Amino acid sequence: MTDSSPIVAKKTESRVLVQLCTYNELENLKLLIPLIQEQLPDTDLIVVDDNSPDGTGEYVKSLSDDNPHIHLISRVDERGLGSAVIAGFEYALSQQYDLLLTLDADLSHPPRYIPDLLALMESADVAIGSRYVAGGGVVGWNWKRKFMSWGVNTYSRWLLGLTNKDNSGNFRCYRLEKLAEIDFQRVRSTGYAFMEEILYRCHRVGCRFAETPIVFEDRTIGESKINMTEAVKALWIIFRLSIDRLFGVTVRKA
């Protein structure tokens, strides 16, 4: 007797890489990496460190010597969140991962939300851990910090045509197949404006977006790298990107 039932292909598990960008985050990493490993025990993690004088790079190197899932990119002559994230993008693409999950290294993005982000990737190309959708929020900010965040998000939605509620956070998951379409050589920002810029470029290559609520918890160890100079740079770069948008400047690789 012949079995005529259809053959159902087994779902292939996506290869996920978690990325942390660091500068003087030693004490936070000691707490954060175990929390990430609780959520994703067999998933690879890469730390892109900008030559931290507090020993962050040396600590990660010591972990990687004993754990094949932990990797380090140590940058000596470069600095900035945007260029560090791109270094992680390029590593993930070269190693043929499917998804790249990014979060801040200062414990402001609780790893307990990681499963929610990954669940969105069933139908999205970019999943965003959002402070500004229903159920999301911020703990530990004063009114100036809240106003600055509201302002840059409103500004980027208006000038760049983005529809997401939270365009300035780093708690995200990207589908690398779509990132591969973007020409990183055209990226203007090396700092915090990269968060808005990469969403603009993802939008331009047709990415599908989704958001899930998170409660952002302001750092308790170390100092924030965001300052007024970075905020002004971000506004200027977003404005320049709006001109690119107006004139249809390509974001794709040639």
Protein backbone atom coordinates (compact mmCIF):
# COMPACT_ATOMS: atom_id res chain seq x y z
CA MET A 1 0.00 0.00 0.00
CA THR A 2 1.44 3.36 -1.02
CA ASP A 3 1.29 6.34 1.33
CA SER A 4 -0.02 9.21 -0.78
CA SER A 5 -0.03 11.84 1.98
CA PRO A 6 1.87 15.03 1.06
CA ILE A 7 5.44 15.49 2.22
CA VAL A 8 5.69 18.46 4.56
CA ALA A 9 9.09 20.13 4.66
CA LYS A 10 10.47 20.71 8.13
CA LYS A 11 10.86 24.35 9.09
CA THR A 12 14.51 25.40 9.06
CA GLU A 13 15.68 27.11 12.21
CA SER A 14 17.04 30.60 11.54
CA ARG A 15 20.63 31.29 12.50
CA VAL A 16 20.59 34.21 14.92
CA LEU A 17 23.49 36.44 15.94
CA VAL A 18 23.21 38.81 18.90
CA GLN A 19 25.29 41.99 18.73
CA LEU A 20 26.46 44.31 21.50
CA CYS A 21 28.46 47.50 20.83
CA THR A 22 30.58 48.58 23.78
CA TYR A 23 32.73 51.33 25.19
CA ASN A 24 33.47 51.00 28.90
CA GLU A 25 30.68 48.52 29.66
CA LEU A 26 32.64 45.91 31.64
CA GLU A 27 30.41 45.81 34.73
CA ASN A 28 27.22 45.83 32.67
CA LEU A 29 28.43 42.99 30.41
CA LYS A 30 29.11 40.78 33.41
CA LEU A 31 25.39 40.97 34.18
CA LEU A 32 24.00 41.21 30.64
CA ILE A 33 25.66 38.31 28.83
CA PRO A 34 24.28 35.66 31.25
CA LEU A 35 20.79 37.18 30.86
CA ILE A 36 21.04 36.93 27.07
CA GLN A 37 22.28 33.35 27.33
CA GLU A 38 19.26 32.47 29.49
CA GLN A 39 17.00 33.51 26.62
CA LEU A 40 19.18 32.13 23.80
CA PRO A 41 21.49 29.51 25.28
CA ASP A 42 22.87 28.17 21.99
CA THR A 43 22.96 31.40 20.00
CA ASP A 44 26.12 33.21 18.95
CA LEU A 45 26.94 36.62 20.38
CA ILE A 46 29.39 39.20 19.06
CA VAL A 47 30.72 42.19 20.96
CA VAL A 48 32.09 45.11 18.94
CA ASP A 49 34.33 46.99 21.36
CA ASP A 50 35.90 50.40 20.68
CA ASN A 51 39.13 49.81 22.61
CA SER A 52 37.52 50.31 26.02
CA PRO A 53 40.08 51.37 28.65
CA ASP A 54 38.10 49.63 31.41
CA GLY A 55 38.97 46.14 30.12
CA THR A 56 35.69 45.34 28.35
CA GLY A 57 37.51 43.84 25.35
CA GLU A 58 39.83 41.73 27.48
CA TYR A 59 36.85 40.39 29.44
CA VAL A 60 35.00 39.37 26.27
CA LYS A 61 38.18 37.79 24.88
CA SER A 62 38.50 35.69 28.05
CA LEU A 63 34.89 34.51 27.62
CA SER A 64 35.41 33.69 23.96
CA ASP A 65 38.43 31.53 24.78
CA ASP A 66 36.11 29.16 26.68
CA ASN A 67 32.85 29.64 24.77
CA PRO A 68 32.69 29.19 20.97
CA HIS A 69 29.38 31.10 20.87
CA ILE A 70 31.03 34.37 21.98
CA HIS A 71 33.05 36.48 19.55
CA LEU A 72 34.88 39.81 19.74
CA ILE A 73 35.61 42.54 17.21
CA SER A 74 38.10 44.93 18.79
CA ARG A 75 38.34 48.31 17.05
CA VAL A 76 41.35 50.50 17.76
CA ASP A 77 41.14 53.42 15.34
CA GLU A 78 37.36 53.75 15.00
CA ARG A 79 34.62 54.90 17.35
CA GLY A 80 30.90 55.49 17.16
CA LEU A 81 27.72 53.47 17.51
CA GLY A 82 26.78 53.61 13.83
CA SER A 83 30.08 52.34 12.48
CA ALA A 84 30.20 49.69 15.22
CA VAL A 85 26.75 48.38 14.28
CA ILE A 86 27.81 48.25 10.62
CA ALA A 87 30.86 46.21 11.65
CA GLY A 88 28.43 43.73 13.19
CA PHE A 89 26.25 43.77 10.07
CA GLU A 90 29.24 42.96 7.89
CA TYR A 91 30.39 40.17 10.20
CA ALA A 92 26.91 38.64 10.30
CA LEU A 93 26.61 38.77 6.51
CA SER A 94 30.06 37.25 6.01
CA GLN A 95 29.16 34.36 8.35
CA GLN A 96 25.78 33.81 6.66
CA TYR A 97 23.51 34.31 9.65
CA ASP A 98 19.81 34.81 8.96
CA LEU A 99 18.88 37.28 11.70
CA LEU A 100 20.85 39.88 13.65
CA LEU A 101 19.50 41.00 17.00
CA THR A 102 20.93 44.23 18.46
CA LEU A 103 20.53 45.71 21.92
CA ASP A 104 22.35 48.21 24.10
CA ALA A 105 25.05 46.89 26.41
CA ASP A 106 24.02 49.02 29.40
CA LEU A 107 21.10 46.83 30.58
CA SER A 108 18.53 49.37 29.34
CA HIS A 109 17.06 46.75 26.98
CA PRO A 110 15.95 43.82 29.15
CA PRO A 111 16.70 40.50 27.42
CA ARG A 112 13.34 39.11 28.57
CA TYR A 113 11.84 40.79 25.49
CA ILE A 114 14.06 38.89 23.04
CA PRO A 115 11.48 36.11 22.37
CA ASP A 116 8.89 38.76 21.47
CA LEU A 117 11.24 40.33 18.92
CA LEU A 118 12.11 37.00 17.34
CA ALA A 119 8.43 36.05 17.11
CA LEU A 120 7.80 39.14 14.98
CA MET A 121 10.37 37.94 12.46
CA GLU A 122 7.89 35.34 11.22
CA SER A 123 6.34 38.11 9.14
CA ALA A 124 8.70 41.11 9.43
CA ASP A 125 12.12 42.06 8.11
CA VAL A 126 12.83 44.50 10.94
CA ALA A 127 11.38 44.02 14.42
CA ILE A 128 11.62 46.92 16.86
CA GLY A 129 11.47 46.82 20.63
CA SER A 130 9.33 49.93 21.05
CA ARG A 131 8.98 52.28 23.98
CA TYR A 132 6.13 54.12 22.28
CA VAL A 133 3.51 51.53 21.41
CA ALA A 134 0.82 50.41 23.82
CA GLY A 135 2.42 48.58 26.73
CA GLY A 136 5.83 50.19 26.23
CA GLY A 137 7.47 52.85 28.36
CA VAL A 138 10.59 54.36 29.90
CA VAL A 139 11.89 54.18 33.46
CA GLY A 140 14.43 56.63 34.86
CA TRP A 141 14.36 59.53 32.37
CA ASN A 142 13.85 63.18 33.22
CA TRP A 143 11.56 65.38 31.13
CA LYS A 144 14.44 66.72 29.00
CA ARG A 145 15.47 63.23 27.91
CA LYS A 146 11.85 62.31 27.17
CA PHE A 147 11.35 65.49 25.14
CA MET A 148 14.55 64.89 23.16
CA SER A 149 13.46 61.34 22.31
CA TRP A 150 9.94 62.44 21.35
CA GLY A 151 11.36 65.21 19.19
CA VAL A 152 13.81 63.08 17.22
CA ASN A 153 11.18 60.39 16.62
CA THR A 154 8.62 62.92 15.39
CA TYR A 155 11.25 64.65 13.24
CA SER A 156 12.40 61.40 11.61
CA ARG A 157 8.84 60.25 10.89
CA TRP A 158 8.07 63.59 9.27
CA LEU A 159 11.25 63.93 7.18
CA LEU A 160 12.02 60.30 6.34
CA GLY A 161 8.54 58.90 5.82
CA LEU A 162 8.88 56.36 8.62
CA THR A 163 5.70 55.07 10.25
CA ASN A 164 7.19 53.28 13.27
CA LYS A 165 6.55 54.78 16.69
CA ASP A 166 10.11 54.17 17.91
CA ASN A 167 12.84 54.98 15.40
CA SER A 168 15.68 55.91 17.74
CA GLY A 169 16.14 52.77 19.85
CA ASN A 170 18.67 50.01 19.26
CA PHE A 171 16.63 47.02 20.49
CA ARG A 172 15.90 45.45 17.11
CA CYS A 173 16.11 42.36 14.97
CA TYR A 174 17.05 42.56 11.29
CA ARG A 175 16.66 40.08 8.46
CA LEU A 176 20.13 39.92 6.95
CA GLU A 177 18.86 39.02 3.50
CA LYS A 178 17.38 42.53 3.33
CA LEU A 179 20.37 44.26 4.91
CA ALA A 180 22.50 42.73 2.16
CA GLU A 181 20.68 44.96 -0.34
CA ILE A 182 21.87 48.15 1.36
CA ASP A 183 25.08 49.93 0.36
CA PHE A 184 26.72 50.67 3.72
CA GLN A 185 29.29 52.88 2.00
CA ARG A 186 26.50 55.44 1.53
CA VAL A 187 25.61 55.59 5.24
CA ARG A 188 26.13 59.13 6.52
CA SER A 189 26.09 58.62 10.28
CA THR A 190 28.75 57.08 12.49
CA GLY A 191 26.94 58.02 15.70
CA TYR A 192 23.45 57.81 17.17
CA ALA A 193 21.66 59.14 14.07
CA PHE A 194 22.44 55.75 12.59
CA MET A 195 19.37 54.37 14.37
CA GLU A 196 17.02 56.49 12.27
CA GLU A 197 19.17 56.28 9.15
CA ILE A 198 19.26 52.49 8.96
CA LEU A 199 15.47 52.33 9.29
CA TYR A 200 15.18 54.83 6.44
CA ARG A 201 17.46 52.67 4.29
CA CYS A 202 15.59 49.51 5.27
CA HIS A 203 12.33 51.24 4.32
CA ARG A 204 13.79 52.17 0.94
CA VAL A 205 14.66 48.53 0.14
CA GLY A 206 11.15 47.38 1.00
CA CYS A 207 11.50 45.99 4.50
CA ARG A 208 8.40 45.05 6.45
CA PHE A 209 8.39 46.55 9.97
CA ALA A 210 6.78 45.46 13.21
CA GLU A 211 6.98 46.73 16.79
CA THR A 212 6.57 45.05 20.14
CA PRO A 213 6.33 46.90 23.46
CA ILE A 214 9.30 47.11 25.80
CA VAL A 215 9.95 49.04 28.99
CA PHE A 216 13.28 50.82 28.63
CA GLU A 217 15.22 50.93 31.91
CA ASP A 218 17.81 53.72 32.11
CA ARG A 219 21.33 52.60 32.92
CA THR A 220 22.42 52.43 36.56
CA ILE A 221 26.11 51.63 35.89
CA GLY A 222 28.33 53.94 33.85
CA GLU A 223 27.53 57.09 31.91
CA SER A 224 25.31 57.68 28.90
CA LYS A 225 27.13 58.51 25.64
CA ILE A 226 24.23 60.65 24.37
CA ASN A 227 24.76 64.40 24.65
CA MET A 228 23.55 67.61 23.02
CA THR A 229 26.30 67.47 20.37
CA GLU A 230 25.13 64.02 19.26
CA ALA A 231 21.52 65.23 19.22
CA VAL A 232 22.35 68.17 16.94
CA LYS A 233 24.36 65.90 14.62
CA ALA A 234 21.40 63.53 14.44
CA LEU A 235 19.01 66.31 13.43
CA TRP A 236 21.39 67.50 10.71
CA ILE A 237 21.94 64.01 9.27
CA ILE A 238 18.21 63.27 9.24
CA PHE A 239 17.67 66.53 7.37
CA ARG A 240 20.33 65.56 4.79
CA LEU A 241 18.67 62.18 4.38
CA SER A 242 15.37 63.92 3.72
CA ILE A 243 17.06 65.70 0.80
CA ASP A 244 18.29 62.33 -0.47
CA ARG A 245 14.73 61.07 -0.20
CA LEU A 246 13.39 64.07 -2.08
CA PHE A 247 15.79 63.48 -4.98
CA GLY A 248 15.50 59.68 -4.93
CA VAL A 249 19.17 59.02 -4.09
CA THR A 250 19.65 55.25 -4.16
CA VAL A 251 20.40 53.25 -1.03
CA ARG A 252 21.04 49.96 -2.81
CA LYS A 253 24.32 48.40 -3.79
CA ALA A 254 25.29 49.01 -7.39
